[in-house]
PDB file of N, CA and C in Angstrom:
ATOM      1  N   UNK A   1      83.039 100.922 114.512  1.00  0.00           N
ATOM      2  CA  UNK A   1      83.277 100.617 113.274  1.00  0.00           C
ATOM      3  C   UNK A   1      82.464  99.808 112.425  1.00  0.00           C
ATOM      4  N   UNK A   2      82.226  99.609 111.248  1.00  0.00           N
ATOM      5  CA  UNK A   2      81.111  99.382 110.733  1.00  0.00           C
ATOM      6  C   UNK A   2      81.362  97.583 110.700  1.00  0.00           C
ATOM      7  N   UNK A   3      80.225  96.877 110.706  1.00  0.00           N
ATOM      8  CA  UNK A   3      80.898  95.729 110.667  1.00  0.00           C
ATOM      9  C   UNK A   3      79.825  94.782 109.327  1.00  0.00           C
ATOM     10  N   UNK A   4      80.356  93.677 108.955  1.00  0.00           N
ATOM     11  CA  UNK A   4      79.612  92.962 107.913  1.00  0.00           C
ATOM     12  C   UNK A   4      78.440  91.919 108.516  1.00  0.00           C
ATOM     13  N   UNK A   5      77.008  92.241 108.428  1.00  0.00           N
ATOM     14  CA  UNK A   5      76.335  91.367 108.774  1.00  0.00           C
ATOM     15  C   UNK A   5      74.985  90.819 107.596  1.00  0.00           C
ATOM     16  N   UNK A   6      74.749  90.097 107.789  1.00  0.00           N
ATOM     17  CA  UNK A   6      73.619  89.410 106.600  1.00  0.00           C
ATOM     18  C   UNK A   6      73.534  90.239 105.670  1.00  0.00           C
ATOM     19  N   UNK A   7      74.656  90.432 104.810  1.00  0.00           N
ATOM     20  CA  UNK A   7      74.740  91.280 103.479  1.00  0.00           C
ATOM     21  C   UNK A   7      74.385  92.580 103.735  1.00  0.00           C
ATOM     22  N   UNK A   8      74.759  93.216 105.028  1.00  0.00           N
ATOM     23  CA  UNK A   8      73.955  94.663 105.190  1.00  0.00           C
ATOM     24  C   UNK A   8      75.778  95.193 106.089  1.00  0.00           C
ATOM     25  N   UNK A   9      76.134  96.495 105.717  1.00  0.00           N
ATOM     26  CA  UNK A   9      77.441  96.988 106.563  1.00  0.00           C
ATOM     27  C   UNK A   9      76.524  97.492 107.813  1.00  0.00           C
ATOM     28  N   UNK A  10      76.663  97.541 108.877  1.00  0.00           N
ATOM     29  CA  UNK A  10      75.914  98.318 109.910  1.00  0.00           C
ATOM     30  C   UNK A  10      76.925  98.685 111.003  1.00  0.00           C
ATOM     31  N   UNK A  11      76.266  99.694 111.771  1.00  0.00           N
ATOM     32  CA  UNK A  11      76.865 100.222 112.564  1.00  0.00           C
ATOM     33  C   UNK A  11      75.646 101.308 113.386  1.00  0.00           C
ATOM     34  N   UNK A  12      76.286 101.671 115.000  1.00  0.00           N
ATOM     35  CA  UNK A  12      75.599 101.987 115.889  1.00  0.00           C
ATOM     36  C   UNK A  12      75.988 102.892 116.075  1.00  0.00           C
ATOM     37  N   UNK A  13      75.518 104.536 116.255  1.00  0.00           N
ATOM     38  CA  UNK A  13      76.331 105.892 116.652  1.00  0.00           C
ATOM     39  C   UNK A  13      75.614 106.253 118.214  1.00  0.00           C
ATOM     40  N   UNK A  14      76.493 106.699 119.063  1.00  0.00           N
ATOM     41  CA  UNK A  14      75.257 107.129 119.655  1.00  0.00           C
ATOM     42  C   UNK A  14      76.168 108.689 120.336  1.00  0.00           C
ATOM     43  N   UNK A  15      74.766 109.501 121.133  1.00  0.00           N
ATOM     44  CA  UNK A  15      75.206 111.189 121.061  1.00  0.00           C
ATOM     45  C   UNK A  15      74.897 111.494 122.233  1.00  0.00           C
ATOM     46  N   UNK A  16      75.183 112.603 122.815  1.00  0.00           N
ATOM     47  CA  UNK A  16      74.970 113.246 123.985  1.00  0.00           C
ATOM     48  C   UNK A  16      72.994 113.478 124.275  1.00  0.00           C
ATOM     49  N   UNK A  17      72.510 113.403 123.076  1.00  0.00           N
ATOM     50  CA  UNK A  17      71.008 113.534 123.436  1.00  0.00           C
ATOM     51  C   UNK A  17      70.067 113.402 121.954  1.00  0.00           C
ATOM     52  N   UNK A  18      69.060 113.581 122.370  1.00  0.00           N
ATOM     53  CA  UNK A  18      68.234 113.412 121.195  1.00  0.00           C
ATOM     54  C   UNK A  18      68.335 114.742 119.899  1.00  0.00           C
ATOM     55  N   UNK A  19      68.573 115.574 120.115  1.00  0.00           N
ATOM     56  CA  UNK A  19      69.044 116.987 119.397  1.00  0.00           C
ATOM     57  C   UNK A  19      70.251 116.449 118.594  1.00  0.00           C
ATOM     58  N   UNK A  20      71.721 116.111 119.152  1.00  0.00           N
ATOM     59  CA  UNK A  20      72.456 115.668 118.527  1.00  0.00           C
ATOM     60  C   UNK A  20      72.260 114.410 117.754  1.00  0.00           C
ATOM     61  N   UNK A  21      71.531 113.392 117.942  1.00  0.00           N
ATOM     62  CA  UNK A  21      71.225 112.369 117.075  1.00  0.00           C
ATOM     63  C   UNK A  21      70.642 113.104 116.021  1.00  0.00           C
ATOM     64  N   UNK A  22      69.277 113.741 116.270  1.00  0.00           N
ATOM     65  CA  UNK A  22      68.634 114.225 114.890  1.00  0.00           C
ATOM     66  C   UNK A  22      69.778 115.116 114.005  1.00  0.00           C
ATOM     67  N   UNK A  23      70.236 115.726 114.623  1.00  0.00           N
ATOM     68  CA  UNK A  23      71.159 116.547 113.444  1.00  0.00           C
ATOM     69  C   UNK A  23      72.174 115.914 113.036  1.00  0.00           C
ATOM     70  N   UNK A  24      72.894 114.893 113.343  1.00  0.00           N
ATOM     71  CA  UNK A  24      73.477 113.834 112.702  1.00  0.00           C
ATOM     72  C   UNK A  24      72.773 113.503 111.726  1.00  0.00           C
ATOM     73  N   UNK A  25      71.646 112.850 111.925  1.00  0.00           N
ATOM     74  CA  UNK A  25      70.588 112.208 110.933  1.00  0.00           C
ATOM     75  C   UNK A  25      70.135 113.279 109.912  1.00  0.00           C
ATOM     76  N   UNK A  26      70.143 114.161 110.080  1.00  0.00           N
ATOM     77  CA  UNK A  26      69.574 115.453 109.022  1.00  0.00           C
ATOM     78  C   UNK A  26      70.891 115.494 108.106  1.00  0.00           C
ATOM     79  N   UNK A  27      71.591 115.522 108.543  1.00  0.00           N
ATOM     80  CA  UNK A  27      73.195 115.713 107.781  1.00  0.00           C
ATOM     81  C   UNK A  27      73.647 114.611 107.051  1.00  0.00           C
ATOM     82  N   UNK A  28      73.455 113.230 107.574  1.00  0.00           N
ATOM     83  CA  UNK A  28      73.215 112.307 106.948  1.00  0.00           C
ATOM     84  C   UNK A  28      72.285 111.701 105.639  1.00  0.00           C
ATOM     85  N   UNK A  29      71.048 112.349 106.188  1.00  0.00           N
ATOM     86  CA  UNK A  29      70.197 112.443 104.908  1.00  0.00           C
ATOM     87  C   UNK A  29      70.553 113.362 103.835  1.00  0.00           C
ATOM     88  N   UNK A  30      70.896 114.499 103.940  1.00  0.00           N
ATOM     89  CA  UNK A  30      71.497 115.292 102.595  1.00  0.00           C
ATOM     90  C   UNK A  30      72.773 114.521 102.178  1.00  0.00           C
ATOM     91  N   UNK A  31      73.557 114.085 102.583  1.00  0.00           N
ATOM     92  CA  UNK A  31      74.127 113.378 101.814  1.00  0.00           C
ATOM     93  C   UNK A  31      74.032 112.090 101.517  1.00  0.00           C
ATOM     94  N   UNK A  32      73.159 111.292 101.823  1.00  0.00           N
ATOM     95  CA  UNK A  32      72.676 110.232 101.090  1.00  0.00           C
ATOM     96  C   UNK A  32      71.727 110.780  99.870  1.00  0.00           C
ATOM     97  N   UNK A  33      70.694 111.644  99.989  1.00  0.00           N
ATOM     98  CA  UNK A  33      70.270 112.404  98.813  1.00  0.00           C
ATOM     99  C   UNK A  33      71.194 112.629  97.680  1.00  0.00           C
ATOM    100  N   UNK A  34      72.446 113.241  98.297  1.00  0.00           N
ATOM    101  CA  UNK A  34      73.025 113.848  97.185  1.00  0.00           C
ATOM    102  C   UNK A  34      73.904 112.694  96.885  1.00  0.00           C
ATOM    103  N   UNK A  35      74.226 111.398  97.268  1.00  0.00           N
ATOM    104  CA  UNK A  35      74.488 110.335  96.568  1.00  0.00           C
ATOM    105  C   UNK A  35      73.804 109.248  95.765  1.00  0.00           C
ATOM    106  N   UNK A  36      72.331 109.461  96.238  1.00  0.00           N
ATOM    107  CA  UNK A  36      71.250 108.851  95.596  1.00  0.00           C
ATOM    108  C   UNK A  36      71.233 107.685  96.400  1.00  0.00           C
ATOM    109  N   UNK A  37      71.626 107.314  97.397  1.00  0.00           N
ATOM    110  CA  UNK A  37      71.540 105.889  97.674  1.00  0.00           C
ATOM    111  C   UNK A  37      71.260 106.389  99.146  1.00  0.00           C
ATOM    112  N   UNK A  38      70.433 105.561 100.126  1.00  0.00           N
ATOM    113  CA  UNK A  38      69.777 105.932 101.492  1.00  0.00           C
ATOM    114  C   UNK A  38      69.654 104.573 102.273  1.00  0.00           C
ATOM    115  N   UNK A  39      70.195 105.154 103.314  1.00  0.00           N
ATOM    116  CA  UNK A  39      70.287 104.115 104.535  1.00  0.00           C
ATOM    117  C   UNK A  39      68.946 103.139 105.169  1.00  0.00           C
ATOM    118  N   UNK A  40      68.749 102.174 105.737  1.00  0.00           N
ATOM    119  CA  UNK A  40      68.066 101.737 106.560  1.00  0.00           C
ATOM    120  C   UNK A  40      68.219 102.237 107.889  1.00  0.00           C
ATOM    121  N   UNK A  41      67.523 103.071 109.052  1.00  0.00           N
ATOM    122  CA  UNK A  41      68.090 103.238 110.221  1.00  0.00           C
ATOM    123  C   UNK A  41      66.619 103.596 111.059  1.00  0.00           C
ATOM    124  N   UNK A  42      67.437 103.854 112.163  1.00  0.00           N
ATOM    125  CA  UNK A  42      66.589 103.941 113.426  1.00  0.00           C
ATOM    126  C   UNK A  42      66.932 104.646 114.618  1.00  0.00           C
ATOM    127  N   UNK A  43      66.337 105.226 115.008  1.00  0.00           N
ATOM    128  CA  UNK A  43      66.590 106.397 116.018  1.00  0.00           C
ATOM    129  C   UNK A  43      65.882 106.329 117.158  1.00  0.00           C
ATOM    130  N   UNK A  44      66.671 105.746 118.335  1.00  0.00           N
ATOM    131  CA  UNK A  44      65.864 106.029 119.795  1.00  0.00           C
ATOM    132  C   UNK A  44      66.751 107.060 120.669  1.00  0.00           C
ATOM    133  N   UNK A  45      66.187 107.804 120.997  1.00  0.00           N
ATOM    134  CA  UNK A  45      66.535 108.964 121.871  1.00  0.00           C
ATOM    135  C   UNK A  45      68.178 109.412 121.047  1.00  0.00           C
ATOM    136  N   UNK A  46      69.018 109.010 122.101  1.00  0.00           N
ATOM    137  CA  UNK A  46      70.323 109.261 121.564  1.00  0.00           C
ATOM    138  C   UNK A  46      71.323 108.433 120.873  1.00  0.00           C
ATOM    139  N   UNK A  47      70.658 107.316 120.274  1.00  0.00           N
ATOM    140  CA  UNK A  47      71.447 106.107 119.672  1.00  0.00           C
ATOM    141  C   UNK A  47      70.526 106.099 118.032  1.00  0.00           C
ATOM    142  N   UNK A  48      71.462 105.863 117.207  1.00  0.00           N
ATOM    143  CA  UNK A  48      71.174 105.635 115.845  1.00  0.00           C
ATOM    144  C   UNK A  48      71.875 104.553 115.017  1.00  0.00           C
ATOM    145  N   UNK A  49      70.703 103.842 114.734  1.00  0.00           N
ATOM    146  CA  UNK A  49      71.370 102.189 113.959  1.00  0.00           C
ATOM    147  C   UNK A  49      71.558 102.811 112.447  1.00  0.00           C
ATOM    148  N   UNK A  50      72.398 102.121 112.230  1.00  0.00           N
ATOM    149  CA  UNK A  50      72.195 102.269 110.506  1.00  0.00           C
ATOM    150  C   UNK A  50      72.777 100.972 109.768  1.00  0.00           C
ATOM    151  N   UNK A  51      71.853 100.562 108.729  1.00  0.00           N
ATOM    152  CA  UNK A  51      72.063  99.590 107.746  1.00  0.00           C
ATOM    153  C   UNK A  51      72.135 100.101 106.542  1.00  0.00           C
ATOM    154  N   UNK A  52      73.861  99.611 105.722  1.00  0.00           N
ATOM    155  CA  UNK A  52      73.463 100.025 104.206  1.00  0.00           C
ATOM    156  C   UNK A  52      73.463  98.635 103.431  1.00  0.00           C
ATOM    157  N   UNK A  53      72.826  98.474 102.355  1.00  0.00           N
ATOM    158  CA  UNK A  53      72.973  97.483 101.656  1.00  0.00           C
ATOM    159  C   UNK A  53      72.215  97.910 100.140  1.00  0.00           C
ATOM    160  N   UNK A  54      72.764  97.886  99.318  1.00  0.00           N
ATOM    161  CA  UNK A  54      72.365  98.069  97.629  1.00  0.00           C
ATOM    162  C   UNK A  54      71.147  97.351  97.245  1.00  0.00           C
ATOM    163  N   UNK A  55      70.213  98.030  97.079  1.00  0.00           N
ATOM    164  CA  UNK A  55      68.731  97.251  96.788  1.00  0.00           C
ATOM    165  C   UNK A  55      68.500  96.515  95.397  1.00  0.00           C
ATOM    166  N   UNK A  56      69.007  97.415  94.189  1.00  0.00           N
ATOM    167  CA  UNK A  56      69.342  96.865  93.039  1.00  0.00           C
ATOM    168  C   UNK A  56      70.252  95.919  92.736  1.00  0.00           C
ATOM    169  N   UNK A  57      71.218  95.922  93.949  1.00  0.00           N
ATOM    170  CA  UNK A  57      72.043  94.315  93.834  1.00  0.00           C
ATOM    171  C   UNK A  57      71.672  93.141  94.734  1.00  0.00           C
ATOM    172  N   UNK A  58      70.436  93.064  94.664  1.00  0.00           N
ATOM    173  CA  UNK A  58      69.688  91.760  95.664  1.00  0.00           C
ATOM    174  C   UNK A  58      70.190  92.015  96.786  1.00  0.00           C
ATOM    175  N   UNK A  59      70.153  93.352  97.573  1.00  0.00           N
ATOM    176  CA  UNK A  59      70.283  93.521  98.934  1.00  0.00           C
ATOM    177  C   UNK A  59      71.864  93.323  99.243  1.00  0.00           C
ATOM    178  N   UNK A  60      72.685  93.312  98.598  1.00  0.00           N
ATOM    179  CA  UNK A  60      73.853  92.874  99.193  1.00  0.00           C
ATOM    180  C   UNK A  60      75.032  94.594  99.319  1.00  0.00           C
ATOM    181  N   UNK A  61      75.952  93.723  99.689  1.00  0.00           N
ATOM    182  CA  UNK A  61      76.946  95.477 100.020  1.00  0.00           C
ATOM    183  C   UNK A  61      77.663  95.614  98.546  1.00  0.00           C
ATOM    184  N   UNK A  62      77.835  96.408  98.350  1.00  0.00           N
ATOM    185  CA  UNK A  62      78.123  97.097  97.241  1.00  0.00           C
ATOM    186  C   UNK A  62      79.519  98.235  97.301  1.00  0.00           C
ATOM    187  N   UNK A  63      80.064  99.086  96.406  1.00  0.00           N
ATOM    188  CA  UNK A  63      80.763 100.093  96.664  1.00  0.00           C
ATOM    189  C   UNK A  63      80.073 101.610  96.752  1.00  0.00           C
ATOM    190  N   UNK A  64      78.477 101.515  96.515  1.00  0.00           N
ATOM    191  CA  UNK A  64      77.686 102.664  96.869  1.00  0.00           C
ATOM    192  C   UNK A  64      77.580 102.273  98.526  1.00  0.00           C
ATOM    193  N   UNK A  65      77.552 101.599  99.427  1.00  0.00           N
ATOM    194  CA  UNK A  65      77.473 101.580 100.471  1.00  0.00           C
ATOM    195  C   UNK A  65      78.707 101.573 101.277  1.00  0.00           C
ATOM    196  N   UNK A  66      79.975 101.431 100.636  1.00  0.00           N
ATOM    197  CA  UNK A  66      81.158 101.715 101.141  1.00  0.00           C
ATOM    198  C   UNK A  66      81.423 102.862 101.429  1.00  0.00           C
ATOM    199  N   UNK A  67      81.242 103.550  99.936  1.00  0.00           N
ATOM    200  CA  UNK A  67      81.010 104.847 100.121  1.00  0.00           C
ATOM    201  C   UNK A  67      80.124 105.995 101.156  1.00  0.00           C
ATOM    202  N   UNK A  68      78.862 105.483 101.262  1.00  0.00           N
ATOM    203  CA  UNK A  68      78.375 106.131 102.087  1.00  0.00           C
ATOM    204  C   UNK A  68      78.794 105.922 103.785  1.00  0.00           C
ATOM    205  N   UNK A  69      78.926 104.771 103.628  1.00  0.00           N
ATOM    206  CA  UNK A  69      79.796 104.540 105.309  1.00  0.00           C
ATOM    207  C   UNK A  69      80.529 105.391 105.184  1.00  0.00           C
ATOM    208  N   UNK A  70      81.618 106.066 104.225  1.00  0.00           N
ATOM    209  CA  UNK A  70      83.161 106.717 104.873  1.00  0.00           C
ATOM    210  C   UNK A  70      82.119 108.161 104.942  1.00  0.00           C
ATOM    211  N   UNK A  71      81.448 108.598 104.199  1.00  0.00           N
ATOM    212  CA  UNK A  71      80.494 109.984 104.479  1.00  0.00           C
ATOM    213  C   UNK A  71      80.069 109.899 105.595  1.00  0.00           C
ATOM    214  N   UNK A  72      79.367 108.957 106.163  1.00  0.00           N
ATOM    215  CA  UNK A  72      78.530 108.891 107.543  1.00  0.00           C
ATOM    216  C   UNK A  72      79.726 108.957 108.878  1.00  0.00           C
ATOM    217  N   UNK A  73      80.801 108.471 108.557  1.00  0.00           N
ATOM    218  CA  UNK A  73      81.868 108.324 109.491  1.00  0.00           C
ATOM    219  C   UNK A  73      82.403 110.059 109.644  1.00  0.00           C
ATOM    220  N   UNK A  74      82.564 110.602 108.403  1.00  0.00           N
ATOM    221  CA  UNK A  74      83.193 111.756 108.340  1.00  0.00           C
ATOM    222  C   UNK A  74      82.294 112.846 108.574  1.00  0.00           C
ATOM    223  N   UNK A  75      80.888 112.535 108.757  1.00  0.00           N
ATOM    224  CA  UNK A  75      79.846 113.460 109.544  1.00  0.00           C
ATOM    225  C   UNK A  75      79.972 113.175 110.667  1.00  0.00           C
ATOM    226  N   UNK A  76      79.982 111.632 111.629  1.00  0.00           N
ATOM    227  CA  UNK A  76      80.042 111.654 113.131  1.00  0.00           C
ATOM    228  C   UNK A  76      81.319 112.031 113.790  1.00  0.00           C
ATOM    229  N   UNK A  77      82.366 112.165 112.958  1.00  0.00           N
ATOM    230  CA  UNK A  77      83.477 112.959 113.361  1.00  0.00           C
ATOM    231  C   UNK A  77      83.367 114.489 113.670  1.00  0.00           C
ATOM    232  N   UNK A  78      82.550 114.916 113.001  1.00  0.00           N
ATOM    233  CA  UNK A  78      82.402 116.464 112.773  1.00  0.00           C
ATOM    234  C   UNK A  78      81.425 116.799 113.784  1.00  0.00           C
ATOM    235  N   UNK A  79      80.885 115.773 114.321  1.00  0.00           N
ATOM    236  CA  UNK A  79      79.710 115.881 115.352  1.00  0.00           C
ATOM    237  C   UNK A  79      80.712 116.726 116.473  1.00  0.00           C
TER     238      UNK A  79
END
């Protein structure tokens, strides 16, 4: 589940291997680009950590972040 920490929505995702994690990241990248809203993220092998905040709103959580987090969850559940 997403957590609110330091004015960011954060969540970690784990996959069976690097390819599955990278496939997830690719799908998220296309969704983020379509929404015009991009995450901070880190990938190490099968784990992807994501942070969402809105830069033009003083790096606070906005509806853009909540919408992208819902899209990311949907992508994760399709994996």
